[in-house]
């Protein structure tokens, strides 16, 4: 397991209607969800917390600065897991380890429900999120979901995190250095064989503006490249920033 060291904030499971309402308000404010259909029902959080799910928060004193929630899941193959639907951090506290602490709290809750894996999804254009998932938590990207929320522009990478393994099966390749890539390479797939293992890389901008006219074309290239990665049986294991403008996904062959 990675070392998820303590920070000068405290995380815990949320209890009670007032806590759930505060969490729902933080969720709506940070994600800027104005239409009511995207808001979060405090009653749902209460029910999840009592029935195999999680509703956890990080506080600075009495102030809620981070919140995550999830539920018990099962895929079509019968694999059971804790599904983390969303995690949100107050903008004033981003970059201070709140995300790690939220995932640590969710992990504790999931193991308490005898759930030994956690899954979630994230936008493939968010390099910072990808780095946290793969480098910090040592999770893996195991699938690509097109229009995950049944709306255009909601493609997601599926993340799988083993909650109680003792050894990282991708430790030998997570830190592989990346060659240099230029702007014209972004979203394209680059394949190689290194130390006898198939490797793939996909460069992308280190940050993306959805209002940019070129973002749609970039999303299409990344979709194609990611689908080829997973069709080849590879697993995403890292996303690292190689310069001020460029980050690179790294995928490798699962040798287990």
Protein backbone atom coordinates (compact mmCIF):
# COMPACT_ATOMS: atom_id res chain seq x y z
CA UNK A 1 0.00 0.00 0.00
CA UNK A 2 1.20 3.58 -0.63
CA UNK A 3 2.09 5.71 2.35
CA UNK A 4 -0.94 7.96 2.83
CA UNK A 5 0.61 10.14 5.51
CA UNK A 6 -1.44 12.26 7.89
CA UNK A 7 -2.04 15.96 7.25
CA UNK A 8 -3.13 18.65 9.75
CA UNK A 9 -6.81 18.08 8.93
CA UNK A 10 -9.10 15.31 10.09
CA UNK A 11 -11.29 12.97 8.09
CA UNK A 12 -14.18 10.81 9.23
CA UNK A 13 -17.49 9.30 8.24
CA UNK A 14 -20.27 11.87 8.23
CA UNK A 15 -23.21 11.30 10.58
CA UNK A 16 -26.53 13.10 10.85
CA UNK A 17 -28.78 15.22 8.69
CA UNK A 18 -26.88 18.47 9.28
CA UNK A 19 -23.61 16.89 8.12
CA UNK A 20 -25.23 15.41 5.03
CA UNK A 21 -26.81 18.76 4.14
CA UNK A 22 -23.48 20.53 4.53
CA UNK A 23 -21.84 17.92 2.28
CA UNK A 24 -24.54 18.32 -0.36
CA UNK A 25 -24.08 22.10 -0.29
CA UNK A 26 -20.30 21.80 -0.72
CA UNK A 27 -20.80 19.37 -3.61
CA UNK A 28 -23.17 21.74 -5.41
CA UNK A 29 -21.01 24.81 -4.79
CA UNK A 30 -17.68 23.35 -5.92
CA UNK A 31 -19.06 21.62 -9.01
CA UNK A 32 -21.23 24.70 -9.77
CA UNK A 33 -24.30 22.55 -10.30
CA UNK A 34 -27.18 24.95 -10.75
CA UNK A 35 -29.83 22.69 -12.33
CA UNK A 36 -31.57 20.84 -9.53
CA UNK A 37 -31.24 17.47 -11.28
CA UNK A 38 -27.49 17.52 -10.59
CA UNK A 39 -27.79 18.34 -6.89
CA UNK A 40 -27.25 15.76 -4.16
CA UNK A 41 -30.03 14.57 -1.87
CA UNK A 42 -29.01 14.39 1.83
CA UNK A 43 -31.49 11.52 2.30
CA UNK A 44 -29.54 9.52 -0.26
CA UNK A 45 -26.31 10.03 1.71
CA UNK A 46 -27.99 8.84 4.88
CA UNK A 47 -29.28 5.71 3.15
CA UNK A 48 -25.93 4.95 1.54
CA UNK A 49 -24.08 5.24 4.83
CA UNK A 50 -26.43 2.65 6.35
CA UNK A 51 -26.41 0.21 3.44
CA UNK A 52 -22.93 -0.60 2.21
CA UNK A 53 -22.01 2.88 1.04
CA UNK A 54 -19.83 5.76 2.21
CA UNK A 55 -20.26 9.45 3.00
CA UNK A 56 -16.98 10.81 4.32
CA UNK A 57 -15.68 14.28 4.98
CA UNK A 58 -12.50 16.18 5.81
CA UNK A 59 -12.76 19.06 8.27
CA UNK A 60 -10.53 21.96 9.18
CA UNK A 61 -11.85 22.57 12.66
CA UNK A 62 -15.61 22.78 12.18
CA UNK A 63 -15.37 23.63 8.48
CA UNK A 64 -16.11 20.88 5.94
CA UNK A 65 -13.43 21.22 3.24
CA UNK A 66 -13.72 17.88 1.46
CA UNK A 67 -16.41 15.31 0.82
CA UNK A 68 -16.73 11.96 -0.97
CA UNK A 69 -19.45 9.40 -1.29
CA UNK A 70 -19.89 5.94 -2.79
CA UNK A 71 -21.91 2.75 -2.73
CA UNK A 72 -21.60 -1.01 -3.01
CA UNK A 73 -21.29 -2.12 -6.63
CA UNK A 74 -21.13 -5.26 -8.71
CA UNK A 75 -20.24 -5.53 -12.40
CA UNK A 76 -21.73 -7.89 -14.96
CA UNK A 77 -18.98 -10.42 -14.28
CA UNK A 78 -20.00 -10.63 -10.62
CA UNK A 79 -17.01 -8.72 -9.22
CA UNK A 80 -17.94 -6.74 -6.13
CA UNK A 81 -16.40 -3.40 -5.16
CA UNK A 82 -17.02 -0.07 -3.50
CA UNK A 83 -17.90 2.49 -6.16
CA UNK A 84 -16.74 6.02 -5.36
CA UNK A 85 -19.17 8.27 -7.20
CA UNK A 86 -17.63 11.64 -6.43
CA UNK A 87 -15.03 13.46 -4.37
CA UNK A 88 -15.00 17.24 -3.98
CA UNK A 89 -12.49 19.59 -2.32
CA UNK A 90 -13.04 23.21 -1.34
CA UNK A 91 -10.96 25.32 -3.79
CA UNK A 92 -9.17 26.99 -0.86
CA UNK A 93 -7.84 23.57 0.22
CA UNK A 94 -6.84 22.02 -3.09
CA UNK A 95 -3.26 20.78 -3.18
CA UNK A 96 -3.16 20.18 0.58
CA UNK A 97 -3.72 16.43 0.61
CA UNK A 98 -7.48 16.52 1.17
CA UNK A 99 -8.08 14.14 -1.72
CA UNK A 100 -5.75 11.56 -0.21
CA UNK A 101 -7.44 11.82 3.14
CA UNK A 102 -10.88 11.39 1.57
CA UNK A 103 -9.77 8.25 -0.24
CA UNK A 104 -8.17 6.94 2.98
CA UNK A 105 -11.48 7.41 4.80
CA UNK A 106 -13.42 5.76 1.99
CA UNK A 107 -10.98 2.86 2.00
CA UNK A 108 -11.59 2.32 5.73
CA UNK A 109 -15.36 2.38 5.23
CA UNK A 110 -15.19 -0.02 2.28
CA UNK A 111 -13.06 -2.52 4.17
CA UNK A 112 -15.52 -2.26 7.05
CA UNK A 113 -18.23 -3.42 4.63
CA UNK A 114 -15.89 -6.28 3.52
CA UNK A 115 -15.35 -4.60 0.14
CA UNK A 116 -11.75 -5.11 -0.96
CA UNK A 117 -11.66 -3.12 -4.18
CA UNK A 118 -12.75 0.40 -5.04
CA UNK A 119 -13.70 1.77 -8.45
CA UNK A 120 -14.40 5.23 -9.78
CA UNK A 121 -14.15 7.15 -13.05
CA UNK A 122 -12.54 10.41 -14.17
CA UNK A 123 -12.32 12.64 -17.23
CA UNK A 124 -9.39 11.44 -19.40
CA UNK A 125 -8.35 15.04 -20.10
CA UNK A 126 -7.67 15.75 -16.41
CA UNK A 127 -3.98 14.95 -16.14
CA UNK A 128 -3.75 16.08 -12.52
CA UNK A 129 -6.53 13.67 -11.47
CA UNK A 130 -4.86 10.88 -13.43
CA UNK A 131 -1.54 11.47 -11.67
CA UNK A 132 -3.24 11.33 -8.27
CA UNK A 133 -5.08 8.11 -9.10
CA UNK A 134 -2.10 6.26 -10.51
CA UNK A 135 1.03 7.72 -8.90
CA UNK A 136 -0.29 8.67 -5.46
CA UNK A 137 -2.81 5.87 -4.84
CA UNK A 138 -1.18 3.20 -7.04
CA UNK A 139 -4.51 2.38 -8.64
CA UNK A 140 -4.88 1.29 -12.27
CA UNK A 141 -6.96 2.37 -15.24
CA UNK A 142 -8.75 -0.76 -16.41
CA UNK A 143 -11.35 0.43 -18.91
CA UNK A 144 -12.73 3.25 -21.02
CA UNK A 145 -16.41 4.18 -20.94
CA UNK A 146 -17.83 6.20 -23.82
CA UNK A 147 -20.46 8.81 -22.80
CA UNK A 148 -20.50 7.38 -19.29
CA UNK A 149 -23.31 9.68 -18.14
CA UNK A 150 -25.28 9.18 -21.37
CA UNK A 151 -24.34 12.66 -22.57
CA UNK A 152 -21.77 13.68 -25.19
CA UNK A 153 -18.47 14.77 -23.69
CA UNK A 154 -18.73 12.47 -20.65
CA UNK A 155 -16.20 9.80 -21.64
CA UNK A 156 -14.49 8.41 -18.55
CA UNK A 157 -11.54 6.22 -17.61
CA UNK A 158 -12.49 3.46 -15.15
CA UNK A 159 -10.12 3.16 -12.18
CA UNK A 160 -9.68 0.07 -10.03
CA UNK A 161 -7.91 0.26 -6.63
CA UNK A 162 -6.98 -2.85 -4.65
CA UNK A 163 -7.51 -1.84 -1.02
CA UNK A 164 -5.47 -4.45 0.81
CA UNK A 165 -2.72 -5.71 -1.47
CA UNK A 166 0.83 -5.71 -0.10
CA UNK A 167 2.75 -5.45 -3.36
CA UNK A 168 2.26 -3.16 -6.35
CA UNK A 169 2.36 -5.40 -9.46
CA UNK A 170 3.34 -2.42 -11.62
CA UNK A 171 6.07 -1.02 -9.39
CA UNK A 172 8.74 -1.76 -12.01
CA UNK A 173 7.13 0.38 -14.71
CA UNK A 174 5.16 3.17 -12.98
CA UNK A 175 8.26 5.35 -12.90
CA UNK A 176 9.48 4.75 -16.45
CA UNK A 177 10.75 8.01 -17.97
CA UNK A 178 8.98 9.45 -20.97
CA UNK A 179 10.49 10.65 -24.21
CA UNK A 180 9.74 14.19 -25.32
CA UNK A 181 6.49 14.85 -27.17
CA UNK A 182 5.33 17.87 -29.12
CA UNK A 183 1.91 19.54 -29.45
CA UNK A 184 1.09 17.52 -32.59
CA UNK A 185 1.54 14.28 -30.63
CA UNK A 186 -1.22 14.98 -28.09
CA UNK A 187 -3.89 12.32 -27.93
CA UNK A 188 -1.98 9.91 -30.15
CA UNK A 189 -0.85 6.41 -29.15
CA UNK A 190 2.84 5.52 -29.04
CA UNK A 191 3.67 1.85 -28.50
CA UNK A 192 6.97 0.17 -27.60
CA UNK A 193 8.49 -2.88 -25.94
CA UNK A 194 10.69 -2.12 -22.93
CA UNK A 195 12.41 -4.81 -20.84
CA UNK A 196 10.25 -7.42 -22.53
CA UNK A 197 6.96 -5.75 -21.62
CA UNK A 198 4.55 -3.98 -23.97
CA UNK A 199 4.32 -0.28 -23.14
CA UNK A 200 2.06 2.44 -24.50
CA UNK A 201 2.10 6.20 -24.00
CA UNK A 202 -0.47 8.87 -24.78
CA UNK A 203 0.60 12.52 -24.40
CA UNK A 204 -1.95 15.19 -23.55
CA UNK A 205 -1.95 18.83 -22.41
CA UNK A 206 -1.17 19.27 -18.72
CA UNK A 207 -4.33 21.39 -18.49
CA UNK A 208 -7.30 21.72 -20.84
CA UNK A 209 -9.78 24.49 -21.57
CA UNK A 210 -13.10 22.96 -22.67
CA UNK A 211 -13.98 26.22 -24.38
CA UNK A 212 -11.05 25.79 -26.77
CA UNK A 213 -12.28 24.79 -30.24
CA UNK A 214 -9.55 22.13 -30.50
CA UNK A 215 -10.62 20.27 -27.34
CA UNK A 216 -13.29 18.24 -29.14
CA UNK A 217 -10.76 16.88 -31.62
CA UNK A 218 -8.36 16.11 -28.78
CA UNK A 219 -11.07 14.16 -26.94
CA UNK A 220 -11.73 12.13 -30.08
CA UNK A 221 -8.04 11.23 -30.48
CA UNK A 222 -7.74 10.26 -26.82
CA UNK A 223 -10.89 8.14 -27.07
CA UNK A 224 -9.44 6.22 -30.02
CA UNK A 225 -6.04 5.79 -28.36
CA UNK A 226 -7.50 4.69 -25.02
CA UNK A 227 -9.77 2.14 -26.65
CA UNK A 228 -6.79 0.68 -28.50
CA UNK A 229 -4.84 0.50 -25.22
CA UNK A 230 -7.57 -1.47 -23.45
CA UNK A 231 -8.36 -3.61 -26.49
CA UNK A 232 -4.70 -4.66 -26.40
CA UNK A 233 -5.07 -5.78 -22.78
CA UNK A 234 -2.88 -3.02 -21.34
CA UNK A 235 -3.47 -1.21 -18.03
CA UNK A 236 -2.97 2.48 -17.29
CA UNK A 237 -0.46 2.84 -14.47
CA UNK A 238 0.72 6.46 -14.49
CA UNK A 239 0.28 9.96 -15.84
CA UNK A 240 3.21 12.30 -15.37
CA UNK A 241 3.90 15.88 -16.31
CA UNK A 242 7.03 16.08 -18.49
CA UNK A 243 7.10 19.86 -18.99
CA UNK A 244 4.96 22.92 -18.32
CA UNK A 245 2.53 22.08 -21.11
CA UNK A 246 2.53 18.31 -21.53
CA UNK A 247 1.65 15.24 -19.47
CA UNK A 248 1.88 11.61 -20.59
CA UNK A 249 -0.23 8.57 -19.80
CA UNK A 250 1.71 5.34 -19.35
CA UNK A 251 0.15 1.92 -19.89
CA UNK A 252 1.77 -1.45 -19.48
CA UNK A 253 1.16 -5.12 -19.93
CA UNK A 254 -0.26 -6.91 -16.89
CA UNK A 255 2.20 -9.76 -16.28
CA UNK A 256 0.28 -11.39 -13.43
